[in-house]
Amino acid sequence: MVEFSTALLAIAAAFVLFAVVALYRVFVGPTIHDRVIAVNVAGTNTVIAIALVAAAFEESAFLDVALVYALLNFLLSIAFSKFNVEHGGVL
C-alpha cells in the first residue's frame, strides 16, 4: 500500500508537470492574453505543489513560502496587465 506522503509527493510532481506544460504556452502563446494566463496558471500550480510538499514532509515553513509565492504571483499578474494596458494593449 502506498503511504500518504508518497501519494502527496506524486501529486505534487504531477502539478509541477502541469506547470511545465503551462510554461510551453508562455513561450508559444499566440497572443499576449494566452501568455498572461499561462504564467498565472504556472504560478498557481507551483503554489499547489509547494503546499503538497509541505503536507508530505509536515513542514509548516513551506506553507509560508507557498503563501509568499502566491502573493507574488498575484502581484505579477496585476502588474503585467497594467503594463500591457498602459502600452496600448487591451486586456
C-alpha atoms as a PDB file:
ATOM      1  CA  MET A   1       0.000   0.000   0.000  1.00  0.00           C
ATOM      2  CA  VAL A   2       1.252   3.462  -0.877  1.00  0.00           C
ATOM      3  CA  GLU A   3       1.969   5.766   2.020  1.00  0.00           C
ATOM      4  CA  PHE A   4       0.097   9.046   2.252  1.00  0.00           C
ATOM      5  CA  SER A   5       3.242  11.185   1.981  1.00  0.00           C
ATOM      6  CA  THR A   6       4.360   9.299  -1.138  1.00  0.00           C
ATOM      7  CA  ALA A   7       0.982   9.913  -2.744  1.00  0.00           C
ATOM      8  CA  LEU A   8       1.198  13.618  -1.902  1.00  0.00           C
ATOM      9  CA  LEU A   9       4.659  13.831  -3.474  1.00  0.00           C
ATOM     10  CA  ALA A  10       3.397  12.079  -6.608  1.00  0.00           C
ATOM     11  CA  ILE A  11       0.528  14.537  -6.902  1.00  0.00           C
ATOM     12  CA  ALA A  12       2.980  17.419  -6.371  1.00  0.00           C
ATOM     13  CA  ALA A  13       5.122  16.047  -9.201  1.00  0.00           C
ATOM     14  CA  ALA A  14       2.041  15.993 -11.434  1.00  0.00           C
ATOM     15  CA  PHE A  15       1.374  19.659 -10.654  1.00  0.00           C
ATOM     16  CA  VAL A  16       4.987  20.507 -11.485  1.00  0.00           C
ATOM     17  CA  LEU A  17       4.496  18.756 -14.824  1.00  0.00           C
ATOM     18  CA  PHE A  18       1.339  20.809 -15.404  1.00  0.00           C
ATOM     19  CA  ALA A  19       3.348  23.972 -14.667  1.00  0.00           C
ATOM     20  CA  VAL A  20       5.958  22.969 -17.246  1.00  0.00           C
ATOM     21  CA  VAL A  21       3.216  22.438 -19.818  1.00  0.00           C
ATOM     22  CA  ALA A  22       1.841  25.892 -18.997  1.00  0.00           C
ATOM     23  CA  LEU A  23       5.311  27.382 -19.488  1.00  0.00           C
ATOM     24  CA  TYR A  24       5.270  25.958 -23.005  1.00  0.00           C
ATOM     25  CA  ARG A  25       2.193  28.106 -23.654  1.00  0.00           C
ATOM     26  CA  VAL A  26       4.063  31.131 -22.271  1.00  0.00           C
ATOM     27  CA  PHE A  27       6.722  30.812 -24.949  1.00  0.00           C
ATOM     28  CA  VAL A  28       4.476  29.711 -27.838  1.00  0.00           C
ATOM     29  CA  GLY A  29       1.227  31.509 -26.971  1.00  0.00           C
ATOM     30  CA  PRO A  30      -0.276  33.219 -29.986  1.00  0.00           C
ATOM     31  CA  THR A  31      -1.474  36.273 -28.048  1.00  0.00           C
ATOM     32  CA  ILE A  32      -0.334  38.196 -25.007  1.00  0.00           C
ATOM     33  CA  HIS A  33      -3.540  37.162 -23.201  1.00  0.00           C
ATOM     34  CA  ASP A  34      -2.618  33.487 -23.509  1.00  0.00           C
ATOM     35  CA  ARG A  35       0.805  34.224 -22.107  1.00  0.00           C
ATOM     36  CA  VAL A  36      -0.515  36.136 -19.086  1.00  0.00           C
ATOM     37  CA  ILE A  37      -2.965  33.374 -18.228  1.00  0.00           C
ATOM     38  CA  ALA A  38      -0.290  30.699 -18.713  1.00  0.00           C
ATOM     39  CA  VAL A  39       2.098  32.494 -16.341  1.00  0.00           C
ATOM     40  CA  ASN A  40      -0.685  32.710 -13.767  1.00  0.00           C
ATOM     41  CA  VAL A  41      -1.547  29.014 -14.194  1.00  0.00           C
ATOM     42  CA  ALA A  42       2.103  28.001 -13.866  1.00  0.00           C
ATOM     43  CA  GLY A  43       2.441  30.062 -10.692  1.00  0.00           C
ATOM     44  CA  THR A  44      -0.725  28.614  -9.217  1.00  0.00           C
ATOM     45  CA  ASN A  45       0.417  25.066  -9.967  1.00  0.00           C
ATOM     46  CA  THR A  46       3.729  25.827  -8.294  1.00  0.00           C
ATOM     47  CA  VAL A  47       1.966  27.093  -5.171  1.00  0.00           C
ATOM     48  CA  ILE A  48      -0.133  23.921  -5.042  1.00  0.00           C
ATOM     49  CA  ALA A  49       2.965  21.757  -5.452  1.00  0.00           C
ATOM     50  CA  ILE A  50       4.765  23.593  -2.627  1.00  0.00           C
ATOM     51  CA  ALA A  51       1.723  23.166  -0.365  1.00  0.00           C
ATOM     52  CA  LEU A  52       1.574  19.435  -1.134  1.00  0.00           C
ATOM     53  CA  VAL A  53       5.271  19.048  -0.363  1.00  0.00           C
ATOM     54  CA  ALA A  54       4.680  20.889   2.920  1.00  0.00           C
ATOM     55  CA  ALA A  55       1.944  18.424   3.795  1.00  0.00           C
ATOM     56  CA  ALA A  56       4.070  15.437   2.790  1.00  0.00           C
ATOM     57  CA  PHE A  57       7.062  16.494   4.896  1.00  0.00           C
ATOM     58  CA  GLU A  58       4.926  18.043   7.664  1.00  0.00           C
ATOM     59  CA  GLU A  59       6.875  21.320   7.439  1.00  0.00           C
ATOM     60  CA  SER A  60       4.827  24.408   8.092  1.00  0.00           C
ATOM     61  CA  ALA A  61       7.637  26.671   6.869  1.00  0.00           C
ATOM     62  CA  PHE A  62       6.944  25.510   3.303  1.00  0.00           C
ATOM     63  CA  LEU A  63       3.406  26.849   3.642  1.00  0.00           C
ATOM     64  CA  ASP A  64       4.842  30.295   4.373  1.00  0.00           C
ATOM     65  CA  VAL A  65       6.900  30.027   1.197  1.00  0.00           C
ATOM     66  CA  ALA A  66       3.801  28.980  -0.757  1.00  0.00           C
ATOM     67  CA  LEU A  67       1.826  31.924   0.612  1.00  0.00           C
ATOM     68  CA  VAL A  68       4.524  34.444  -0.320  1.00  0.00           C
ATOM     69  CA  TYR A  69       4.854  32.885  -3.766  1.00  0.00           C
ATOM     70  CA  ALA A  70       1.076  33.115  -4.266  1.00  0.00           C
ATOM     71  CA  LEU A  71       1.107  36.808  -3.347  1.00  0.00           C
ATOM     72  CA  LEU A  72       3.993  37.455  -5.744  1.00  0.00           C
ATOM     73  CA  ASN A  73       2.173  35.551  -8.478  1.00  0.00           C
ATOM     74  CA  PHE A  74      -0.912  37.711  -7.978  1.00  0.00           C
ATOM     75  CA  LEU A  75       1.084  40.946  -7.984  1.00  0.00           C
ATOM     76  CA  LEU A  76       2.940  39.858 -11.122  1.00  0.00           C
ATOM     77  CA  SER A  77      -0.338  39.244 -12.945  1.00  0.00           C
ATOM     78  CA  ILE A  78      -1.722  42.638 -11.913  1.00  0.00           C
ATOM     79  CA  ALA A  79       1.494  44.470 -12.803  1.00  0.00           C
ATOM     80  CA  PHE A  80       1.801  42.797 -16.181  1.00  0.00           C
ATOM     81  CA  SER A  81      -1.827  43.533 -17.022  1.00  0.00           C
ATOM     82  CA  LYS A  82      -1.418  47.181 -16.016  1.00  0.00           C
ATOM     83  CA  PHE A  83       1.769  47.474 -18.070  1.00  0.00           C
ATOM     84  CA  ASN A  84       0.050  45.941 -21.081  1.00  0.00           C
ATOM     85  CA  VAL A  85      -2.954  48.277 -20.871  1.00  0.00           C
ATOM     86  CA  GLU A  86      -0.776  51.376 -20.484  1.00  0.00           C
ATOM     87  CA  HIS A  87       1.235  50.471 -23.575  1.00  0.00           C
ATOM     88  CA  GLY A  88      -1.693  50.155 -25.953  1.00  0.00           C
ATOM     89  CA  GLY A  89      -2.886  46.629 -25.285  1.00  0.00           C
ATOM     90  CA  VAL A  90      -6.376  45.894 -24.065  1.00  0.00           C
ATOM     91  CA  LEU A  91      -6.557  43.143 -21.532  1.00  0.00           C
END
